[in-house]
Amino acid sequence: MSNADTAGGDGGPEMVQINLRLSKSFLEDIDMTWEEQGFNSRSEFLRYAARDAIKHPEFSREGWKQIAASEYERRSGSAELVSREDVIEMMDRGEDEE
């Protein structure tokens, strides 16, 4: 990890540069996702994802794995679509079982 600081030129918070190692295929997935989601850059997307993870710690790692698996099944055509309410209910059930 790098400790190289970069000034927040717009008067915003000071930004710190870090290095992150990812598999090539995961980085390709990230690149496809940030572009599809309308983010301006990969960095903006990763900051958003990290901020979201900090602000919403109630989403467990297992919950994210289930969401990712469901999304893969949906994209591959091997699963039915579920509503937002169904996903919330599934997440709530998962926390009660722990």
PDB file of N, CA and C in Angstrom:
ATOM      1  N   MET A   1       0.850  -1.169   0.000  1.00  0.00           N
ATOM      2  CA  MET A   1       0.000   0.000   0.000  1.00  0.00           C
ATOM      3  C   MET A   1       0.893   1.229   0.000  1.00  0.00           C
ATOM      4  N   SER A   2       0.509   2.199  -0.792  1.00  0.00           N
ATOM      5  CA  SER A   2       1.278   3.429  -0.891  1.00  0.00           C
ATOM      6  C   SER A   2       0.747   4.464   0.090  1.00  0.00           C
ATOM      7  N   ASN A   3       1.618   5.261   0.645  1.00  0.00           N
ATOM      8  CA  ASN A   3       1.210   6.346   1.527  1.00  0.00           C
ATOM      9  C   ASN A   3       1.288   7.689   0.815  1.00  0.00           C
ATOM     10  N   ALA A   4       1.357   7.669  -0.511  1.00  0.00           N
ATOM     11  CA  ALA A   4       1.474   8.908  -1.269  1.00  0.00           C
ATOM     12  C   ALA A   4       0.188   9.711  -1.143  1.00  0.00           C
ATOM     13  N   ASP A   5       0.323  10.950  -0.656  1.00  0.00           N
ATOM     14  CA  ASP A   5      -0.838  11.824  -0.499  1.00  0.00           C
ATOM     15  C   ASP A   5      -1.021  12.649  -1.762  1.00  0.00           C
ATOM     16  N   THR A   6      -2.269  12.910  -2.088  1.00  0.00           N
ATOM     17  CA  THR A   6      -2.567  13.841  -3.159  1.00  0.00           C
ATOM     18  C   THR A   6      -3.489  14.889  -2.592  1.00  0.00           C
ATOM     19  N   ALA A   7      -3.227  16.111  -2.915  1.00  0.00           N
ATOM     20  CA  ALA A   7      -4.019  17.215  -2.363  1.00  0.00           C
ATOM     21  C   ALA A   7      -5.423  17.200  -2.943  1.00  0.00           C
ATOM     22  N   GLY A   8      -6.389  17.495  -2.100  1.00  0.00           N
ATOM     23  CA  GLY A   8      -7.757  17.668  -2.564  1.00  0.00           C
ATOM     24  C   GLY A   8      -7.881  19.069  -3.135  1.00  0.00           C
ATOM     25  N   GLY A   9      -7.551  19.271  -4.405  1.00  0.00           N
ATOM     26  CA  GLY A   9      -7.461  20.571  -5.025  1.00  0.00           C
ATOM     27  C   GLY A   9      -8.733  21.396  -4.980  1.00  0.00           C
ATOM     28  N   ASP A  10      -9.886  20.773  -4.819  1.00  0.00           N
ATOM     29  CA  ASP A  10     -11.144  21.512  -4.819  1.00  0.00           C
ATOM     30  C   ASP A  10     -11.546  21.967  -3.420  1.00  0.00           C
ATOM     31  N   GLY A  11     -10.636  21.919  -2.473  1.00  0.00           N
ATOM     32  CA  GLY A  11     -10.951  22.321  -1.107  1.00  0.00           C
ATOM     33  C   GLY A  11     -11.633  21.219  -0.322  1.00  0.00           C
ATOM     34  N   GLY A  12     -11.797  20.053  -0.932  1.00  0.00           N
ATOM     35  CA  GLY A  12     -12.406  18.918  -0.259  1.00  0.00           C
ATOM     36  C   GLY A  12     -11.409  18.241   0.650  1.00  0.00           C
ATOM     37  N   PRO A  13     -11.786  17.105   1.184  1.00  0.00           N
ATOM     38  CA  PRO A  13     -10.877  16.395   2.085  1.00  0.00           C
ATOM     39  C   PRO A  13      -9.615  15.938   1.358  1.00  0.00           C
ATOM     40  N   GLU A  14      -8.536  15.855   2.115  1.00  0.00           N
ATOM     41  CA  GLU A  14      -7.274  15.370   1.556  1.00  0.00           C
ATOM     42  C   GLU A  14      -7.455  13.926   1.122  1.00  0.00           C
ATOM     43  N   MET A  15      -7.002  13.599  -0.070  1.00  0.00           N
ATOM     44  CA  MET A  15      -7.133  12.249  -0.608  1.00  0.00           C
ATOM     45  C   MET A  15      -5.797  11.526  -0.453  1.00  0.00           C
ATOM     46  N   VAL A  16      -5.856  10.248  -0.112  1.00  0.00           N
ATOM     47  CA  VAL A  16      -4.676   9.414   0.042  1.00  0.00           C
ATOM     48  C   VAL A  16      -4.749   8.307  -0.989  1.00  0.00           C
ATOM     49  N   GLN A  17      -3.679   8.104  -1.707  1.00  0.00           N
ATOM     50  CA  GLN A  17      -3.620   7.072  -2.732  1.00  0.00           C
ATOM     51  C   GLN A  17      -3.241   5.746  -2.092  1.00  0.00           C
ATOM     52  N   ILE A  18      -3.925   4.665  -2.476  1.00  0.00           N
ATOM     53  CA  ILE A  18      -3.591   3.326  -2.014  1.00  0.00           C
ATOM     54  C   ILE A  18      -3.401   2.422  -3.227  1.00  0.00           C
ATOM     55  N   ASN A  19      -2.718   1.310  -3.038  1.00  0.00           N
ATOM     56  CA  ASN A  19      -2.582   0.292  -4.066  1.00  0.00           C
ATOM     57  C   ASN A  19      -3.441  -0.893  -3.663  1.00  0.00           C
ATOM     58  N   LEU A  20      -4.091  -1.498  -4.626  1.00  0.00           N
ATOM     59  CA  LEU A  20      -4.999  -2.602  -4.366  1.00  0.00           C
ATOM     60  C   LEU A  20      -4.728  -3.690  -5.391  1.00  0.00           C
ATOM     61  N   ARG A  21      -4.509  -4.911  -4.937  1.00  0.00           N
ATOM     62  CA  ARG A  21      -4.271  -6.027  -5.854  1.00  0.00           C
ATOM     63  C   ARG A  21      -5.569  -6.787  -6.067  1.00  0.00           C
ATOM     64  N   LEU A  22      -5.914  -6.985  -7.338  1.00  0.00           N
ATOM     65  CA  LEU A  22      -7.132  -7.708  -7.720  1.00  0.00           C
ATOM     66  C   LEU A  22      -6.791  -8.647  -8.860  1.00  0.00           C
ATOM     67  N   SER A  23      -7.569  -9.707  -8.985  1.00  0.00           N
ATOM     68  CA  SER A  23      -7.369 -10.572 -10.145  1.00  0.00           C
ATOM     69  C   SER A  23      -7.799  -9.814 -11.396  1.00  0.00           C
ATOM     70  N   LYS A  24      -7.228 -10.163 -12.517  1.00  0.00           N
ATOM     71  CA  LYS A  24      -7.557  -9.495 -13.780  1.00  0.00           C
ATOM     72  C   LYS A  24      -9.046  -9.632 -14.086  1.00  0.00           C
ATOM     73  N   SER A  25      -9.618 -10.814 -13.861  1.00  0.00           N
ATOM     74  CA  SER A  25     -11.035 -11.014 -14.169  1.00  0.00           C
ATOM     75  C   SER A  25     -11.926 -10.179 -13.254  1.00  0.00           C
ATOM     76  N   PHE A  26     -11.535 -10.030 -11.979  1.00  0.00           N
ATOM     77  CA  PHE A  26     -12.324  -9.209 -11.062  1.00  0.00           C
ATOM     78  C   PHE A  26     -12.253  -7.749 -11.481  1.00  0.00           C
ATOM     79  N   LEU A  27     -11.068  -7.284 -11.877  1.00  0.00           N
ATOM     80  CA  LEU A  27     -10.913  -5.909 -12.339  1.00  0.00           C
ATOM     81  C   LEU A  27     -11.750  -5.664 -13.593  1.00  0.00           C
ATOM     82  N   GLU A  28     -11.802  -6.636 -14.481  1.00  0.00           N
ATOM     83  CA  GLU A  28     -12.640  -6.508 -15.679  1.00  0.00           C
ATOM     84  C   GLU A  28     -14.109  -6.388 -15.290  1.00  0.00           C
ATOM     85  N   ASP A  29     -14.538  -7.168 -14.285  1.00  0.00           N
ATOM     86  CA  ASP A  29     -15.922  -7.060 -13.796  1.00  0.00           C
ATOM     87  C   ASP A  29     -16.184  -5.677 -13.206  1.00  0.00           C
ATOM     88  N   ILE A  30     -15.225  -5.167 -12.445  1.00  0.00           N
ATOM     89  CA  ILE A  30     -15.359  -3.834 -11.858  1.00  0.00           C
ATOM     90  C   ILE A  30     -15.467  -2.793 -12.960  1.00  0.00           C
ATOM     91  N   ASP A  31     -14.599  -2.885 -13.966  1.00  0.00           N
ATOM     92  CA  ASP A  31     -14.617  -1.916 -15.054  1.00  0.00           C
ATOM     93  C   ASP A  31     -15.941  -1.944 -15.810  1.00  0.00           C
ATOM     94  N   MET A  32     -16.455  -3.112 -16.054  1.00  0.00           N
ATOM     95  CA  MET A  32     -17.736  -3.212 -16.736  1.00  0.00           C
ATOM     96  C   MET A  32     -18.853  -2.622 -15.867  1.00  0.00           C
ATOM     97  N   THR A  33     -18.777  -2.870 -14.571  1.00  0.00           N
ATOM     98  CA  THR A  33     -19.825  -2.414 -13.660  1.00  0.00           C
ATOM     99  C   THR A  33     -19.823  -0.907 -13.520  1.00  0.00           C
ATOM    100  N   TRP A  34     -18.652  -0.288 -13.300  1.00  0.00           N
ATOM    101  CA  TRP A  34     -18.663   1.165 -13.088  1.00  0.00           C
ATOM    102  C   TRP A  34     -19.144   1.882 -14.329  1.00  0.00           C
ATOM    103  N   GLU A  35     -18.798   1.368 -15.499  1.00  0.00           N
ATOM    104  CA  GLU A  35     -19.258   2.002 -16.728  1.00  0.00           C
ATOM    105  C   GLU A  35     -20.769   1.839 -16.895  1.00  0.00           C
ATOM    106  N   GLU A  36     -21.270   0.624 -16.641  1.00  0.00           N
ATOM    107  CA  GLU A  36     -22.709   0.367 -16.757  1.00  0.00           C
ATOM    108  C   GLU A  36     -23.509   1.196 -15.749  1.00  0.00           C
ATOM    109  N   GLN A  37     -22.943   1.420 -14.564  1.00  0.00           N
ATOM    110  CA  GLN A  37     -23.633   2.148 -13.507  1.00  0.00           C
ATOM    111  C   GLN A  37     -23.540   3.666 -13.674  1.00  0.00           C
ATOM    112  N   GLY A  38     -22.761   4.122 -14.648  1.00  0.00           N
ATOM    113  CA  GLY A  38     -22.680   5.548 -14.925  1.00  0.00           C
ATOM    114  C   GLY A  38     -21.712   6.329 -14.061  1.00  0.00           C
ATOM    115  N   PHE A  39     -20.763   5.649 -13.422  1.00  0.00           N
ATOM    116  CA  PHE A  39     -19.746   6.364 -12.652  1.00  0.00           C
ATOM    117  C   PHE A  39     -18.747   6.992 -13.616  1.00  0.00           C
ATOM    118  N   ASN A  40     -18.086   8.053 -13.194  1.00  0.00           N
ATOM    119  CA  ASN A  40     -17.126   8.753 -14.038  1.00  0.00           C
ATOM    120  C   ASN A  40     -15.789   8.030 -14.142  1.00  0.00           C
ATOM    121  N   SER A  41     -15.468   7.203 -13.147  1.00  0.00           N
ATOM    122  CA  SER A  41     -14.178   6.522 -13.143  1.00  0.00           C
ATOM    123  C   SER A  41     -14.244   5.290 -12.250  1.00  0.00           C
ATOM    124  N   ARG A  42     -13.237   4.454 -12.415  1.00  0.00           N
ATOM    125  CA  ARG A  42     -13.090   3.287 -11.557  1.00  0.00           C
ATOM    126  C   ARG A  42     -12.902   3.721 -10.108  1.00  0.00           C
ATOM    127  N   SER A  43     -12.088   4.746  -9.882  1.00  0.00           N
ATOM    128  CA  SER A  43     -11.835   5.234  -8.527  1.00  0.00           C
ATOM    129  C   SER A  43     -13.116   5.718  -7.860  1.00  0.00           C
ATOM    130  N   GLU A  44     -13.925   6.468  -8.612  1.00  0.00           N
ATOM    131  CA  GLU A  44     -15.182   6.959  -8.059  1.00  0.00           C
ATOM    132  C   GLU A  44     -16.068   5.776  -7.639  1.00  0.00           C
ATOM    133  N   PHE A  45     -16.147   4.760  -8.482  1.00  0.00           N
ATOM    134  CA  PHE A  45     -16.949   3.577  -8.165  1.00  0.00           C
ATOM    135  C   PHE A  45     -16.430   2.870  -6.913  1.00  0.00           C
ATOM    136  N   LEU A  46     -15.112   2.669  -6.824  1.00  0.00           N
ATOM    137  CA  LEU A  46     -14.547   1.976  -5.672  1.00  0.00           C
ATOM    138  C   LEU A  46     -14.720   2.778  -4.387  1.00  0.00           C
ATOM    139  N   ARG A  47     -14.595   4.107  -4.466  1.00  0.00           N
ATOM    140  CA  ARG A  47     -14.863   4.939  -3.281  1.00  0.00           C
ATOM    141  C   ARG A  47     -16.316   4.791  -2.846  1.00  0.00           C
ATOM    142  N   TYR A  48     -17.224   4.803  -3.808  1.00  0.00           N
ATOM    143  CA  TYR A  48     -18.649   4.652  -3.514  1.00  0.00           C
ATOM    144  C   TYR A  48     -18.903   3.295  -2.845  1.00  0.00           C
ATOM    145  N   ALA A  49     -18.313   2.220  -3.406  1.00  0.00           N
ATOM    146  CA  ALA A  49     -18.517   0.883  -2.852  1.00  0.00           C
ATOM    147  C   ALA A  49     -17.965   0.780  -1.432  1.00  0.00           C
ATOM    148  N   ALA A  50     -16.784   1.347  -1.204  1.00  0.00           N
ATOM    149  CA  ALA A  50     -16.191   1.311   0.135  1.00  0.00           C
ATOM    150  C   ALA A  50     -17.025   2.125   1.115  1.00  0.00           C
ATOM    151  N   ARG A  51     -17.469   3.305   0.695  1.00  0.00           N
ATOM    152  CA  ARG A  51     -18.297   4.153   1.559  1.00  0.00           C
ATOM    153  C   ARG A  51     -19.606   3.443   1.902  1.00  0.00           C
ATOM    154  N   ASP A  52     -20.195   2.786   0.916  1.00  0.00           N
ATOM    155  CA  ASP A  52     -21.441   2.063   1.135  1.00  0.00           C
ATOM    156  C   ASP A  52     -21.238   0.926   2.138  1.00  0.00           C
ATOM    157  N   ALA A  53     -20.105   0.228   2.039  1.00  0.00           N
ATOM    158  CA  ALA A  53     -19.819  -0.869   2.964  1.00  0.00           C
ATOM    159  C   ALA A  53     -19.659  -0.357   4.395  1.00  0.00           C
ATOM    160  N   ILE A  54     -19.072   0.832   4.554  1.00  0.00           N
ATOM    161  CA  ILE A  54     -18.889   1.418   5.886  1.00  0.00           C
ATOM    162  C   ILE A  54     -20.219   1.916   6.446  1.00  0.00           C
ATOM    163  N   LYS A  55     -21.018   2.540   5.603  1.00  0.00           N
ATOM    164  CA  LYS A  55     -22.282   3.119   6.065  1.00  0.00           C
ATOM    165  C   LYS A  55     -23.359   2.062   6.325  1.00  0.00           C
ATOM    166  N   HIS A  56     -23.211   0.898   5.716  1.00  0.00           N
ATOM    167  CA  HIS A  56     -24.231  -0.145   5.855  1.00  0.00           C
ATOM    168  C   HIS A  56     -23.608  -1.466   6.300  1.00  0.00           C
ATOM    169  N   PRO A  57     -23.047  -1.491   7.511  1.00  0.00           N
ATOM    170  CA  PRO A  57     -22.382  -2.719   7.978  1.00  0.00           C
ATOM    171  C   PRO A  57     -23.354  -3.872   8.209  1.00  0.00           C
ATOM    172  N   GLU A  58     -24.650  -3.580   8.173  1.00  0.00           N
ATOM    173  CA  GLU A  58     -25.634  -4.654   8.374  1.00  0.00           C
ATOM    174  C   GLU A  58     -25.615  -5.663   7.227  1.00  0.00           C
ATOM    175  N   PHE A  59     -25.044  -5.288   6.081  1.00  0.00           N
ATOM    176  CA  PHE A  59     -24.898  -6.243   4.994  1.00  0.00           C
ATOM    177  C   PHE A  59     -23.647  -7.064   5.264  1.00  0.00           C
ATOM    178  N   SER A  60     -23.852  -8.311   5.612  1.00  0.00           N
ATOM    179  CA  SER A  60     -22.734  -9.181   5.944  1.00  0.00           C
ATOM    180  C   SER A  60     -22.037  -9.667   4.678  1.00  0.00           C
ATOM    181  N   ARG A  61     -20.850 -10.178   4.845  1.00  0.00           N
ATOM    182  CA  ARG A  61     -20.105 -10.750   3.714  1.00  0.00           C
ATOM    183  C   ARG A  61     -20.914 -11.878   3.082  1.00  0.00           C
ATOM    184  N   GLU A  62     -21.548 -12.694   3.904  1.00  0.00           N
ATOM    185  CA  GLU A  62     -22.367 -13.793   3.383  1.00  0.00           C
ATOM    186  C   GLU A  62     -23.553 -13.248   2.588  1.00  0.00           C
ATOM    187  N   GLY A  63     -24.140 -12.175   3.064  1.00  0.00           N
ATOM    188  CA  GLY A  63     -25.242 -11.549   2.337  1.00  0.00           C
ATOM    189  C   GLY A  63     -24.820 -11.068   0.968  1.00  0.00           C
ATOM    190  N   TRP A  64     -23.625 -10.434   0.900  1.00  0.00           N
ATOM    191  CA  TRP A  64     -23.119  -9.970  -0.395  1.00  0.00           C
ATOM    192  C   TRP A  64     -22.835 -11.148  -1.316  1.00  0.00           C
ATOM    193  N   LYS A  65     -22.330 -12.257  -0.762  1.00  0.00           N
ATOM    194  CA  LYS A  65     -22.087 -13.442  -1.584  1.00  0.00           C
ATOM    195  C   LYS A  65     -23.391 -13.958  -2.175  1.00  0.00           C
ATOM    196  N   GLN A  66     -24.446 -13.960  -1.374  1.00  0.00           N
ATOM    197  CA  GLN A  66     -25.746 -14.421  -1.861  1.00  0.00           C
ATOM    198  C   GLN A  66     -26.265 -13.492  -2.951  1.00  0.00           C
ATOM    199  N   ILE A  67     -26.097 -12.211  -2.774  1.00  0.00           N
ATOM    200  CA  ILE A  67     -26.533 -11.250  -3.782  1.00  0.00           C
ATOM    201  C   ILE A  67     -25.753 -11.464  -5.080  1.00  0.00           C
ATOM    202  N   ALA A  68     -24.441 -11.632  -4.971  1.00  0.00           N
ATOM    203  CA  ALA A  68     -23.617 -11.849  -6.163  1.00  0.00           C
ATOM    204  C   ALA A  68     -24.007 -13.139  -6.875  1.00  0.00           C
ATOM    205  N   ALA A  69     -24.243 -14.205  -6.110  1.00  0.00           N
ATOM    206  CA  ALA A  69     -24.640 -15.478  -6.714  1.00  0.00           C
ATOM    207  C   ALA A  69     -25.987 -15.353  -7.410  1.00  0.00           C
ATOM    208  N   SER A  70     -26.908 -14.644  -6.775  1.00  0.00           N
ATOM    209  CA  SER A  70     -28.225 -14.439  -7.376  1.00  0.00           C
ATOM    210  C   SER A  70     -28.125 -13.625  -8.657  1.00  0.00           C
ATOM    211  N   GLU A  71     -27.273 -12.599  -8.646  1.00  0.00           N
ATOM    212  CA  GLU A  71     -27.091 -11.774  -9.839  1.00  0.00           C
ATOM    213  C   GLU A  71     -26.492 -12.602 -10.974  1.00  0.00           C
ATOM    214  N   TYR A  72     -25.533 -13.461 -10.647  1.00  0.00           N
ATOM    215  CA  TYR A  72     -24.940 -14.326 -11.664  1.00  0.00           C
ATOM    216  C   TYR A  72     -26.003 -15.256 -12.259  1.00  0.00           C
ATOM    217  N   GLU A  73     -26.805 -15.857 -11.400  1.00  0.00           N
ATOM    218  CA  GLU A  73     -27.863 -16.749 -11.882  1.00  0.00           C
ATOM    219  C   GLU A  73     -28.857 -15.992 -12.755  1.00  0.00           C
ATOM    220  N   ARG A  74     -29.184 -14.770 -12.363  1.00  0.00           N
ATOM    221  CA  ARG A  74     -30.122 -13.977 -13.148  1.00  0.00           C
ATOM    222  C   ARG A  74     -29.541 -13.659 -14.521  1.00  0.00           C
ATOM    223  N   ARG A  75     -28.276 -13.234 -14.547  1.00  0.00           N
ATOM    224  CA  ARG A  75     -27.643 -12.877 -15.821  1.00  0.00           C
ATOM    225  C   ARG A  75     -27.454 -14.079 -16.725  1.00  0.00           C
ATOM    226  N   SER A  76     -27.240 -15.242 -16.126  1.00  0.00           N
ATOM    227  CA  SER A  76     -27.031 -16.444 -16.941  1.00  0.00           C
ATOM    228  C   SER A  76     -28.346 -17.092 -17.352  1.00  0.00           C
ATOM    229  N   GLY A  77     -29.453 -16.553 -16.852  1.00  0.00           N
ATOM    230  CA  GLY A  77     -30.765 -17.071 -17.227  1.00  0.00           C
ATOM    231  C   GLY A  77     -31.198 -18.303 -16.458  1.00  0.00           C
ATOM    232  N   SER A  78     -30.484 -18.640 -15.390  1.00  0.00           N
ATOM    233  CA  SER A  78     -30.816 -19.853 -14.642  1.00  0.00           C
ATOM    234  C   SER A  78     -31.603 -19.579 -13.365  1.00  0.00           C
ATOM    235  N   ALA A  79     -32.107 -18.360 -13.216  1.00  0.00           N
ATOM    236  CA  ALA A  79     -32.867 -18.027 -12.005  1.00  0.00           C
ATOM    237  C   ALA A  79     -34.003 -17.078 -12.346  1.00  0.00           C
ATOM    238  N   GLU A  80     -34.998 -17.086 -11.479  1.00  0.00           N
ATOM    239  CA  GLU A  80     -36.108 -16.157 -11.627  1.00  0.00           C
ATOM    240  C   GLU A  80     -35.744 -14.833 -10.960  1.00  0.00           C
ATOM    241  N   LEU A  81     -36.325 -13.770 -11.472  1.00  0.00           N
ATOM    242  CA  LEU A  81     -36.129 -12.464 -10.845  1.00  0.00           C
ATOM    243  C   LEU A  81     -36.908 -12.414  -9.541  1.00  0.00           C
ATOM    244  N   VAL A  82     -36.347 -11.726  -8.559  1.00  0.00           N
ATOM    245  CA  VAL A  82     -37.049 -11.525  -7.289  1.00  0.00           C
ATOM    246  C   VAL A  82     -37.185 -10.031  -7.065  1.00  0.00           C
ATOM    247  N   SER A  83     -38.178  -9.662  -6.309  1.00  0.00           N
ATOM    248  CA  SER A  83     -38.423  -8.250  -6.045  1.00  0.00           C
ATOM    249  C   SER A  83     -37.472  -7.726  -4.970  1.00  0.00           C
ATOM    250  N   ARG A  84     -37.389  -6.415  -4.869  1.00  0.00           N
ATOM    251  CA  ARG A  84     -36.582  -5.772  -3.831  1.00  0.00           C
ATOM    252  C   ARG A  84     -37.056  -6.218  -2.453  1.00  0.00           C
ATOM    253  N   GLU A  85     -38.373  -6.283  -2.285  1.00  0.00           N
ATOM    254  CA  GLU A  85     -38.948  -6.694  -1.002  1.00  0.00           C
ATOM    255  C   GLU A  85     -38.534  -8.124  -0.649  1.00  0.00           C
ATOM    256  N   ASP A  86     -38.499  -9.010  -1.647  1.00  0.00           N
ATOM    257  CA  ASP A  86     -38.063 -10.387  -1.402  1.00  0.00           C
ATOM    258  C   ASP A  86     -36.608 -10.436  -0.948  1.00  0.00           C
ATOM    259  N   VAL A  87     -35.764  -9.601  -1.565  1.00  0.00           N
ATOM    260  CA  VAL A  87     -34.347  -9.570  -1.191  1.00  0.00           C
ATOM    261  C   VAL A  87     -34.199  -9.083   0.245  1.00  0.00           C
ATOM    262  N   ILE A  88     -34.920  -8.039   0.602  1.00  0.00           N
ATOM    263  CA  ILE A  88     -34.851  -7.513   1.973  1.00  0.00           C
ATOM    264  C   ILE A  88     -35.308  -8.579   2.961  1.00  0.00           C
ATOM    265  N   GLU A  89     -36.376  -9.272   2.622  1.00  0.00           N
ATOM    266  CA  GLU A  89     -36.875 -10.336   3.500  1.00  0.00           C
ATOM    267  C   GLU A  89     -35.841 -11.452   3.655  1.00  0.00           C
ATOM    268  N   MET A  90     -35.185 -11.826   2.553  1.00  0.00           N
ATOM    269  CA  MET A  90     -34.148 -12.867   2.615  1.00  0.00           C
ATOM    270  C   MET A  90     -32.982 -12.422   3.495  1.00  0.00           C
ATOM    271  N   MET A  91     -32.587 -11.148   3.360  1.00  0.00           N
ATOM    272  CA  MET A  91     -31.483 -10.635   4.170  1.00  0.00           C
ATOM    273  C   MET A  91     -31.859 -10.624   5.646  1.00  0.00           C
ATOM    274  N   ASP A  92     -33.082 -10.221   5.948  1.00  0.00           N
ATOM    275  CA  ASP A  92     -33.539 -10.209   7.345  1.00  0.00           C
ATOM    276  C   ASP A  92     -33.561 -11.605   7.921  1.00  0.00           C
ATOM    277  N   ARG A  93     -33.998 -12.585   7.135  1.00  0.00           N
ATOM    278  CA  ARG A  93     -34.014 -13.969   7.605  1.00  0.00           C
ATOM    279  C   ARG A  93     -32.618 -14.465   7.889  1.00  0.00           C
ATOM    280  N   GLY A  94     -31.661 -14.100   7.048  1.00  0.00           N
ATOM    281  CA  GLY A  94     -30.281 -14.531   7.239  1.00  0.00           C
ATOM    282  C   GLY A  94     -29.690 -14.034   8.534  1.00  0.00           C
ATOM    283  N   GLU A  95     -30.009 -12.798   8.922  1.00  0.00           N
ATOM    284  CA  GLU A  95     -29.485 -12.246  10.173  1.00  0.00           C
ATOM    285  C   GLU A  95     -30.115 -12.913  11.379  1.00  0.00           C
ATOM    286  N   ASP A  96     -31.387 -13.293  11.280  1.00  0.00           N
ATOM    287  CA  ASP A  96     -32.057 -13.948  12.406  1.00  0.00           C
ATOM    288  C   ASP A  96     -31.514 -15.346  12.677  1.00  0.00           C
ATOM    289  N   GLU A  97     -30.978 -15.992  11.627  1.00  0.00           N
ATOM    290  CA  GLU A  97     -30.496 -17.362  11.771  1.00  0.00           C
ATOM    291  C   GLU A  97     -29.119 -17.424  12.388  1.00  0.00           C
ATOM    292  N   GLU A  98     -28.390 -16.309  12.440  1.00  0.00           N
ATOM    293  CA  GLU A  98     -27.009 -16.318  12.970  1.00  0.00           C
ATOM    294  C   GLU A  98     -26.983 -16.400  14.467  1.00  0.00           C
TER     295      GLU A  98
END
